[in-house]
């Protein structure tokens, strides 16, 4: 009489193939989730930059030259309201509510905002540290950063 069914070796090989296939599918799902998170962060960063650009354009006096790397929000928001400030300080003070959102560590880790250029051509660069292991160097001059950072950049031209 001949035994029918699978041997233990055949069952083990089938289980290994099943596990490898499952891991491959989960890895694809994980990569898709990473791309969604990065896309949402880039969308929020772009909206923040447009808010900053709008607040700069509403200033009564725009600084003739801006070179401001901002890595954390200012401690005292009301300094410019109480005393005379430079045009750059007024610009930063006007952006304070937006900067509070930009430097929220739940949204963007190690965020940095660089404002540079001469009026009417102003460049805004916003970068933040990625949760994913993407290694790249971005920016130049005062805005240079190295490591796993993402970057959004817009250029303003006043009319």
Protein backbone atom coordinates (compact mmCIF):
# COMPACT_ATOMS: atom_id res chain seq x y z
CA UNK A 1 0.00 0.00 0.00
CA UNK A 2 1.41 3.38 -1.07
CA UNK A 3 1.17 6.41 1.26
CA UNK A 4 -0.44 9.50 -0.24
CA UNK A 5 -0.04 13.15 0.82
CA UNK A 6 2.81 15.58 1.21
CA UNK A 7 6.08 14.93 2.93
CA UNK A 8 7.29 17.29 5.64
CA UNK A 9 10.01 18.60 3.31
CA UNK A 10 7.43 19.56 0.68
CA UNK A 11 5.29 21.31 3.31
CA UNK A 12 8.33 23.24 4.63
CA UNK A 13 9.30 24.36 1.12
CA UNK A 14 5.73 25.51 0.44
CA UNK A 15 5.71 27.48 3.73
CA UNK A 16 9.02 29.14 2.91
CA UNK A 17 7.73 30.20 -0.52
CA UNK A 18 4.53 31.51 1.07
CA UNK A 19 6.49 33.53 3.68
CA UNK A 20 8.82 35.04 1.08
CA UNK A 21 5.86 36.06 -1.07
CA UNK A 22 4.11 37.60 1.95
CA UNK A 23 7.24 39.56 2.92
CA UNK A 24 7.61 40.84 -0.63
CA UNK A 25 3.99 42.07 -0.63
CA UNK A 26 4.38 43.73 2.79
CA UNK A 27 7.54 45.48 1.64
CA UNK A 28 5.64 46.94 -1.31
CA UNK A 29 2.89 48.14 1.02
CA UNK A 30 5.48 49.74 3.32
CA UNK A 31 7.12 51.60 0.42
CA UNK A 32 3.73 52.85 -0.74
CA UNK A 33 2.96 54.13 2.77
CA UNK A 34 6.32 55.94 2.90
CA UNK A 35 5.57 57.68 -0.39
CA UNK A 36 2.15 58.80 0.87
CA UNK A 37 3.64 60.26 4.07
CA UNK A 38 6.37 62.09 2.14
CA UNK A 39 3.83 63.44 -0.37
CA UNK A 40 1.63 64.76 2.46
CA UNK A 41 4.60 66.43 4.13
CA UNK A 42 5.64 68.05 0.85
CA UNK A 43 2.08 69.27 0.31
CA UNK A 44 2.00 70.84 3.80
CA UNK A 45 5.46 72.38 3.30
CA UNK A 46 4.39 73.90 -0.02
CA UNK A 47 1.29 75.40 1.60
CA UNK A 48 3.48 76.85 4.38
CA UNK A 49 5.83 78.44 1.86
CA UNK A 50 2.93 80.04 0.02
CA UNK A 51 1.63 81.39 3.35
CA UNK A 52 5.08 82.82 4.10
CA UNK A 53 5.27 84.33 0.62
CA UNK A 54 1.86 85.95 1.10
CA UNK A 55 2.89 87.41 4.46
CA UNK A 56 6.11 88.78 2.94
CA UNK A 57 4.21 90.44 0.12
CA UNK A 58 1.84 92.11 2.60
CA UNK A 59 4.66 93.83 4.48
CA UNK A 60 4.72 97.61 4.15
CA UNK A 61 8.51 97.52 3.70
CA UNK A 62 10.21 94.45 2.28
CA UNK A 63 13.89 94.21 3.17
CA UNK A 64 16.18 95.02 0.28
CA UNK A 65 18.24 91.94 1.10
CA UNK A 66 17.18 88.89 3.07
CA UNK A 67 19.53 86.15 4.15
CA UNK A 68 17.83 84.43 7.02
CA UNK A 69 18.32 80.79 7.97
CA UNK A 70 15.67 80.08 10.60
CA UNK A 71 15.92 76.79 12.45
CA UNK A 72 13.54 77.41 15.31
CA UNK A 73 10.76 79.86 16.07
CA UNK A 74 11.70 83.11 17.79
CA UNK A 75 11.13 83.25 21.52
CA UNK A 76 9.54 86.71 21.69
CA UNK A 77 6.99 87.45 18.99
CA UNK A 78 6.14 90.96 20.24
CA UNK A 79 9.67 92.44 20.11
CA UNK A 80 9.02 94.26 16.84
CA UNK A 81 5.71 95.63 18.04
CA UNK A 82 7.33 97.25 21.09
CA UNK A 83 10.53 98.69 19.62
CA UNK A 84 12.09 99.67 16.32
CA UNK A 85 13.16 96.68 14.27
CA UNK A 86 15.02 96.21 11.04
CA UNK A 87 13.06 95.23 7.94
CA UNK A 88 14.35 91.66 8.29
CA UNK A 89 13.17 91.48 11.90
CA UNK A 90 9.78 92.85 10.86
CA UNK A 91 9.53 90.19 8.18
CA UNK A 92 10.30 87.42 10.65
CA UNK A 93 7.86 88.87 13.17
CA UNK A 94 5.11 88.99 10.54
CA UNK A 95 5.69 85.33 9.72
CA UNK A 96 5.61 84.20 13.36
CA UNK A 97 2.19 82.45 13.30
CA UNK A 98 3.21 80.53 10.19
CA UNK A 99 6.63 79.67 11.64
CA UNK A 100 4.94 78.13 14.68
CA UNK A 101 3.29 75.62 12.32
CA UNK A 102 6.47 75.09 10.31
CA UNK A 103 8.55 74.24 13.36
CA UNK A 104 6.07 71.86 14.94
CA UNK A 105 8.18 68.71 15.51
CA UNK A 106 5.12 66.51 14.99
CA UNK A 107 4.90 67.81 11.41
CA UNK A 108 8.52 68.49 10.44
CA UNK A 109 11.61 67.27 12.29
CA UNK A 110 14.59 69.66 12.39
CA UNK A 111 12.91 72.12 10.05
CA UNK A 112 14.86 75.00 8.54
CA UNK A 113 13.56 77.94 6.56
CA UNK A 114 15.96 79.96 4.42
CA UNK A 115 14.92 83.27 2.93
CA UNK A 116 17.41 84.81 0.55
CA UNK A 117 17.64 87.18 -2.35
CA UNK A 118 17.25 90.82 -3.19
CA UNK A 119 13.85 92.42 -3.51
CA UNK A 120 11.92 91.87 -5.79
CA UNK A 121 13.47 88.41 -6.32
CA UNK A 122 13.19 86.38 -3.12
CA UNK A 123 13.83 82.67 -2.75
CA UNK A 124 12.23 80.56 -0.01
CA UNK A 125 13.73 77.18 0.87
CA UNK A 126 12.12 74.94 3.48
CA UNK A 127 13.82 71.70 4.50
CA UNK A 128 13.12 69.10 7.15
CA UNK A 129 14.60 65.81 8.25
CA UNK A 130 13.08 62.74 6.73
CA UNK A 131 11.84 59.79 8.73
CA UNK A 132 13.15 57.58 5.94
CA UNK A 133 16.77 56.79 5.21
CA UNK A 134 17.18 58.95 2.12
CA UNK A 135 20.70 60.39 2.27
CA UNK A 136 21.35 63.52 0.24
CA UNK A 137 22.92 66.94 0.56
CA UNK A 138 20.72 69.90 -0.22
CA UNK A 139 21.06 73.64 -0.43
CA UNK A 140 24.05 75.90 -0.65
CA UNK A 141 25.66 78.58 1.49
CA UNK A 142 23.74 79.27 4.67
CA UNK A 143 21.05 76.79 3.70
CA UNK A 144 23.34 73.77 3.21
CA UNK A 145 22.25 70.63 5.02
CA UNK A 146 23.39 67.06 4.81
CA UNK A 147 21.65 63.85 5.72
CA UNK A 148 18.12 62.60 5.19
CA UNK A 149 16.33 65.86 4.38
CA UNK A 150 13.49 66.84 2.10
CA UNK A 151 13.37 70.22 0.41
CA UNK A 152 10.71 72.53 -1.00
CA UNK A 153 11.82 75.68 -2.81
CA UNK A 154 9.90 78.57 -4.38
CA UNK A 155 11.07 81.79 -5.99
CA UNK A 156 9.10 85.02 -5.72
CA UNK A 157 9.17 87.81 -8.24
CA UNK A 158 7.30 90.94 -7.28
CA UNK A 159 5.36 92.64 -10.05
